Amino acid sequence: QDKRTTFMIRNIPNKYTQQMLIDYVNATHERKYDFLYLRIDFQNKCNVGYAFINFIDPKDAIEFARDRVGKKWQSLFKSDKKCDLSYANIQGKQALIKKFQNSQVLSE
């Protein structure tokens, strides 16, 4: 059984905020993840289209992927983008914190 828990979420509409992404994940997986980081381009004041999420249990990661991959983003913005996921090269909460600890916005 696959033990990986960390995904890179891709194709996020650029106007999505960290809070919108949290709400999107919490709609089905509240309290099932322990790390979420949406990369932001502060110069352009929008996200760069991808984020990292770490689920506590591998089963929840797989369930999230089944629920969301290929589905259009719930969005107030006109976007035809569909959620895409891939396992991240960096796996686990501690490794993610170490990688992004010097980033301007880090939300646990």
N, C-alpha and C. Protein backbone atom coordinates (compact mmCIF):
# COMPACT_ATOMS: atom_id res chain seq x y z
N GLN A 1 0.84 -1.20 0.00
CA GLN A 1 0.00 0.00 0.00
C GLN A 1 0.88 1.25 0.00
N ASP A 2 0.46 2.24 -0.79
CA ASP A 2 1.21 3.49 -0.90
C ASP A 2 1.12 4.28 0.40
N LYS A 3 2.27 4.70 0.91
CA LYS A 3 2.31 5.43 2.18
C LYS A 3 2.51 6.93 1.99
N ARG A 4 2.60 7.38 0.72
CA ARG A 4 2.82 8.81 0.48
C ARG A 4 1.60 9.62 0.90
N THR A 5 1.86 10.81 1.43
CA THR A 5 0.79 11.66 1.95
C THR A 5 0.81 13.07 1.38
N THR A 6 1.84 13.43 0.62
CA THR A 6 2.00 14.81 0.17
C THR A 6 1.77 14.95 -1.33
N PHE A 7 0.88 15.87 -1.67
CA PHE A 7 0.57 16.16 -3.07
C PHE A 7 1.00 17.57 -3.43
N MET A 8 1.30 17.72 -4.71
CA MET A 8 1.36 19.03 -5.32
C MET A 8 0.01 19.20 -6.02
N ILE A 9 -0.73 20.23 -5.64
CA ILE A 9 -2.01 20.53 -6.27
C ILE A 9 -1.71 21.52 -7.40
N ARG A 10 -2.16 21.19 -8.60
CA ARG A 10 -1.84 22.03 -9.76
C ARG A 10 -3.10 22.56 -10.44
N ASN A 11 -2.88 23.52 -11.35
CA ASN A 11 -3.96 24.15 -12.13
C ASN A 11 -4.91 24.97 -11.26
N ILE A 12 -4.42 25.51 -10.16
CA ILE A 12 -5.25 26.34 -9.29
C ILE A 12 -5.48 27.68 -10.00
N PRO A 13 -6.74 28.13 -10.08
CA PRO A 13 -6.98 29.45 -10.68
C PRO A 13 -6.13 30.51 -9.96
N ASN A 14 -5.51 31.38 -10.73
CA ASN A 14 -4.54 32.32 -10.16
C ASN A 14 -5.13 33.31 -9.17
N LYS A 15 -6.43 33.53 -9.23
CA LYS A 15 -7.04 34.46 -8.29
C LYS A 15 -7.44 33.78 -6.97
N TYR A 16 -7.29 32.47 -6.90
CA TYR A 16 -7.58 31.75 -5.65
C TYR A 16 -6.65 32.26 -4.55
N THR A 17 -7.22 32.48 -3.36
CA THR A 17 -6.42 32.87 -2.20
C THR A 17 -6.16 31.63 -1.34
N GLN A 18 -5.28 31.79 -0.37
CA GLN A 18 -5.01 30.71 0.58
C GLN A 18 -6.31 30.27 1.26
N GLN A 19 -7.13 31.25 1.68
CA GLN A 19 -8.37 30.92 2.37
C GLN A 19 -9.34 30.17 1.46
N MET A 20 -9.42 30.55 0.19
CA MET A 20 -10.28 29.83 -0.75
C MET A 20 -9.83 28.38 -0.89
N LEU A 21 -8.52 28.18 -0.94
CA LEU A 21 -7.99 26.83 -1.07
C LEU A 21 -8.28 26.02 0.19
N ILE A 22 -8.13 26.64 1.35
CA ILE A 22 -8.46 25.98 2.62
C ILE A 22 -9.93 25.57 2.61
N ASP A 23 -10.81 26.48 2.21
CA ASP A 23 -12.25 26.17 2.16
C ASP A 23 -12.54 25.03 1.18
N TYR A 24 -11.84 25.03 0.05
CA TYR A 24 -12.00 23.99 -0.97
C TYR A 24 -11.63 22.62 -0.40
N VAL A 25 -10.51 22.56 0.30
CA VAL A 25 -10.06 21.29 0.89
C VAL A 25 -10.97 20.89 2.05
N ASN A 26 -11.32 21.87 2.90
CA ASN A 26 -12.13 21.58 4.08
C ASN A 26 -13.54 21.10 3.74
N ALA A 27 -14.01 21.40 2.55
CA ALA A 27 -15.36 20.97 2.15
C ALA A 27 -15.49 19.45 2.27
N THR A 28 -14.40 18.72 2.05
CA THR A 28 -14.46 17.25 2.14
C THR A 28 -13.41 16.66 3.08
N HIS A 29 -12.37 17.41 3.41
CA HIS A 29 -11.24 16.82 4.15
C HIS A 29 -10.76 17.67 5.33
N GLU A 30 -11.69 18.36 5.98
CA GLU A 30 -11.32 19.16 7.14
C GLU A 30 -10.69 18.27 8.22
N ARG A 31 -9.62 18.76 8.81
CA ARG A 31 -8.86 18.08 9.88
C ARG A 31 -8.21 16.77 9.42
N LYS A 32 -8.10 16.57 8.11
CA LYS A 32 -7.44 15.36 7.60
C LYS A 32 -6.07 15.68 7.01
N TYR A 33 -5.68 16.94 7.07
CA TYR A 33 -4.35 17.35 6.58
C TYR A 33 -3.69 18.21 7.64
N ASP A 34 -2.36 18.27 7.59
CA ASP A 34 -1.64 19.03 8.61
C ASP A 34 -0.70 20.09 8.01
N PHE A 35 -0.77 20.24 6.69
CA PHE A 35 0.07 21.25 6.03
C PHE A 35 -0.58 21.63 4.71
N LEU A 36 -0.65 22.93 4.45
CA LEU A 36 -1.15 23.43 3.17
C LEU A 36 -0.41 24.73 2.87
N TYR A 37 0.20 24.79 1.70
CA TYR A 37 0.97 25.98 1.32
C TYR A 37 0.69 26.32 -0.13
N LEU A 38 0.09 27.49 -0.34
CA LEU A 38 -0.19 28.00 -1.68
C LEU A 38 0.91 29.00 -2.05
N ARG A 39 1.63 28.71 -3.11
CA ARG A 39 2.70 29.61 -3.54
C ARG A 39 2.09 30.90 -4.10
N ILE A 40 2.61 32.03 -3.66
CA ILE A 40 2.09 33.34 -4.06
C ILE A 40 3.17 34.14 -4.77
N ASP A 41 2.76 34.81 -5.85
CA ASP A 41 3.62 35.78 -6.52
C ASP A 41 3.21 37.15 -5.98
N PHE A 42 4.00 37.66 -5.04
CA PHE A 42 3.61 38.90 -4.37
C PHE A 42 3.69 40.11 -5.29
N GLN A 43 4.52 40.04 -6.31
CA GLN A 43 4.62 41.14 -7.27
C GLN A 43 3.32 41.28 -8.06
N ASN A 44 2.78 40.16 -8.49
CA ASN A 44 1.53 40.17 -9.28
C ASN A 44 0.28 40.00 -8.43
N LYS A 45 0.47 39.78 -7.13
CA LYS A 45 -0.64 39.64 -6.18
C LYS A 45 -1.60 38.51 -6.55
N CYS A 46 -1.03 37.37 -6.94
CA CYS A 46 -1.85 36.19 -7.22
C CYS A 46 -1.01 34.94 -6.97
N ASN A 47 -1.67 33.81 -6.90
CA ASN A 47 -0.91 32.57 -6.69
C ASN A 47 -0.28 32.14 -8.01
N VAL A 48 0.67 31.23 -7.91
CA VAL A 48 1.40 30.79 -9.11
C VAL A 48 0.81 29.51 -9.72
N GLY A 49 -0.35 29.07 -9.21
CA GLY A 49 -1.05 27.96 -9.83
C GLY A 49 -0.84 26.61 -9.20
N TYR A 50 -0.03 26.56 -8.13
CA TYR A 50 0.15 25.27 -7.46
C TYR A 50 0.33 25.46 -5.96
N ALA A 51 0.10 24.37 -5.24
CA ALA A 51 0.20 24.37 -3.78
C ALA A 51 0.68 22.99 -3.34
N PHE A 52 1.06 22.90 -2.08
CA PHE A 52 1.46 21.63 -1.49
C PHE A 52 0.55 21.33 -0.31
N ILE A 53 0.12 20.08 -0.22
CA ILE A 53 -0.73 19.65 0.89
C ILE A 53 -0.21 18.31 1.41
N ASN A 54 -0.22 18.17 2.73
CA ASN A 54 0.16 16.90 3.35
C ASN A 54 -1.02 16.37 4.16
N PHE A 55 -1.45 15.17 3.82
CA PHE A 55 -2.52 14.51 4.55
C PHE A 55 -1.93 13.70 5.70
N ILE A 56 -2.68 13.57 6.77
CA ILE A 56 -2.22 12.83 7.94
C ILE A 56 -2.19 11.33 7.64
N ASP A 57 -3.17 10.86 6.90
CA ASP A 57 -3.30 9.43 6.58
C ASP A 57 -3.25 9.24 5.06
N PRO A 58 -2.46 8.29 4.57
CA PRO A 58 -2.39 8.06 3.11
C PRO A 58 -3.76 7.77 2.49
N LYS A 59 -4.66 7.13 3.23
CA LYS A 59 -6.00 6.83 2.70
C LYS A 59 -6.76 8.11 2.37
N ASP A 60 -6.60 9.13 3.21
CA ASP A 60 -7.27 10.40 2.95
C ASP A 60 -6.68 11.09 1.73
N ALA A 61 -5.38 10.95 1.52
CA ALA A 61 -4.73 11.53 0.34
C ALA A 61 -5.31 10.90 -0.93
N ILE A 62 -5.44 9.58 -0.92
CA ILE A 62 -5.98 8.87 -2.08
C ILE A 62 -7.44 9.26 -2.31
N GLU A 63 -8.20 9.36 -1.23
CA GLU A 63 -9.62 9.74 -1.33
C GLU A 63 -9.75 11.16 -1.90
N PHE A 64 -8.90 12.07 -1.44
CA PHE A 64 -8.92 13.44 -1.96
C PHE A 64 -8.65 13.44 -3.46
N ALA A 65 -7.66 12.67 -3.87
CA ALA A 65 -7.32 12.59 -5.30
C ALA A 65 -8.51 12.07 -6.10
N ARG A 66 -9.15 11.02 -5.62
CA ARG A 66 -10.31 10.45 -6.32
C ARG A 66 -11.45 11.46 -6.42
N ASP A 67 -11.64 12.25 -5.35
CA ASP A 67 -12.73 13.23 -5.31
C ASP A 67 -12.49 14.42 -6.24
N ARG A 68 -11.23 14.82 -6.41
CA ARG A 68 -10.96 16.12 -7.00
C ARG A 68 -10.29 16.15 -8.37
N VAL A 69 -9.48 15.15 -8.70
CA VAL A 69 -8.74 15.20 -9.97
C VAL A 69 -9.70 15.26 -11.15
N GLY A 70 -9.43 16.20 -12.05
CA GLY A 70 -10.24 16.34 -13.25
C GLY A 70 -11.52 17.14 -13.08
N LYS A 71 -11.80 17.57 -11.86
CA LYS A 71 -13.01 18.35 -11.60
C LYS A 71 -12.69 19.84 -11.69
N LYS A 72 -13.65 20.60 -12.21
CA LYS A 72 -13.47 22.05 -12.27
C LYS A 72 -13.41 22.63 -10.86
N TRP A 73 -12.61 23.67 -10.72
CA TRP A 73 -12.50 24.37 -9.44
C TRP A 73 -13.80 25.09 -9.13
N GLN A 74 -14.22 25.05 -7.87
CA GLN A 74 -15.36 25.85 -7.43
C GLN A 74 -14.83 27.27 -7.38
N SER A 75 -15.36 28.12 -8.22
CA SER A 75 -14.73 29.43 -8.35
C SER A 75 -15.73 30.51 -8.69
N LEU A 76 -15.48 31.67 -8.13
CA LEU A 76 -16.25 32.85 -8.50
C LEU A 76 -15.72 33.44 -9.79
N PHE A 77 -14.55 32.97 -10.18
CA PHE A 77 -13.86 33.50 -11.35
C PHE A 77 -14.17 32.62 -12.55
N LYS A 78 -14.14 33.21 -13.72
CA LYS A 78 -14.36 32.44 -14.94
C LYS A 78 -13.09 31.66 -15.24
N SER A 79 -13.11 30.41 -14.89
CA SER A 79 -11.94 29.57 -15.12
C SER A 79 -12.39 28.17 -15.52
N ASP A 80 -11.79 27.66 -16.57
CA ASP A 80 -12.08 26.30 -17.01
C ASP A 80 -11.05 25.31 -16.47
N LYS A 81 -10.16 25.80 -15.60
CA LYS A 81 -9.12 24.93 -15.06
C LYS A 81 -9.74 23.80 -14.25
N LYS A 82 -9.09 22.65 -14.33
CA LYS A 82 -9.51 21.49 -13.55
C LYS A 82 -8.40 21.10 -12.60
N CYS A 83 -8.79 20.65 -11.43
CA CYS A 83 -7.83 20.26 -10.40
C CYS A 83 -6.96 19.10 -10.91
N ASP A 84 -5.68 19.23 -10.68
CA ASP A 84 -4.75 18.16 -11.01
C ASP A 84 -3.83 17.95 -9.81
N LEU A 85 -3.45 16.72 -9.58
CA LEU A 85 -2.58 16.38 -8.44
C LEU A 85 -1.46 15.48 -8.90
N SER A 86 -0.34 15.60 -8.23
CA SER A 86 0.73 14.61 -8.38
C SER A 86 1.40 14.48 -7.02
N TYR A 87 1.96 13.31 -6.77
CA TYR A 87 2.70 13.17 -5.52
C TYR A 87 3.88 14.12 -5.56
N ALA A 88 4.11 14.81 -4.45
CA ALA A 88 5.22 15.76 -4.37
C ALA A 88 6.53 15.00 -4.20
N ASN A 89 7.61 15.60 -4.70
CA ASN A 89 8.94 15.02 -4.49
C ASN A 89 9.29 15.03 -3.01
N ILE A 90 8.86 16.07 -2.32
CA ILE A 90 9.09 16.20 -0.87
C ILE A 90 7.88 15.58 -0.18
N GLN A 91 8.11 14.63 0.70
CA GLN A 91 7.02 13.95 1.40
C GLN A 91 7.09 14.21 2.89
N GLY A 92 5.93 14.50 3.50
CA GLY A 92 5.81 14.63 4.94
C GLY A 92 5.84 16.08 5.42
N LYS A 93 5.14 16.31 6.52
CA LYS A 93 5.00 17.65 7.09
C LYS A 93 6.35 18.27 7.44
N GLN A 94 7.20 17.52 8.13
CA GLN A 94 8.48 18.10 8.58
C GLN A 94 9.36 18.49 7.40
N ALA A 95 9.38 17.67 6.36
CA ALA A 95 10.19 17.99 5.17
C ALA A 95 9.64 19.23 4.47
N LEU A 96 8.32 19.38 4.44
CA LEU A 96 7.71 20.57 3.84
C LEU A 96 8.02 21.83 4.63
N ILE A 97 7.93 21.73 5.95
CA ILE A 97 8.24 22.88 6.80
C ILE A 97 9.69 23.31 6.58
N LYS A 98 10.58 22.34 6.53
CA LYS A 98 11.99 22.65 6.31
C LYS A 98 12.19 23.34 4.96
N LYS A 99 11.51 22.84 3.93
CA LYS A 99 11.64 23.39 2.58
C LYS A 99 11.12 24.82 2.50
N PHE A 100 9.98 25.09 3.14
CA PHE A 100 9.30 26.37 2.98
C PHE A 100 9.40 27.30 4.18
N GLN A 101 10.21 26.98 5.17
CA GLN A 101 10.25 27.77 6.40
C GLN A 101 10.65 29.22 6.18
N ASN A 102 11.38 29.50 5.12
CA ASN A 102 11.79 30.88 4.85
C ASN A 102 10.89 31.59 3.85
N SER A 103 9.81 30.94 3.45
CA SER A 103 8.86 31.55 2.52
C SER A 103 8.06 32.63 3.24
N GLN A 104 7.55 33.58 2.48
CA GLN A 104 6.86 34.72 3.09
C GLN A 104 5.53 34.33 3.73
N VAL A 105 4.84 33.37 3.16
CA VAL A 105 3.55 32.97 3.71
C VAL A 105 3.56 31.46 3.87
N LEU A 106 3.50 31.02 5.11
CA LEU A 106 3.46 29.59 5.40
C LEU A 106 2.33 29.35 6.37
N SER A 107 1.38 28.50 5.99
CA SER A 107 0.22 28.24 6.83
C SER A 107 0.20 26.77 7.20
N GLU A 108 0.17 26.51 8.49
CA GLU A 108 0.06 25.13 8.96
C GLU A 108 -1.37 24.86 9.37
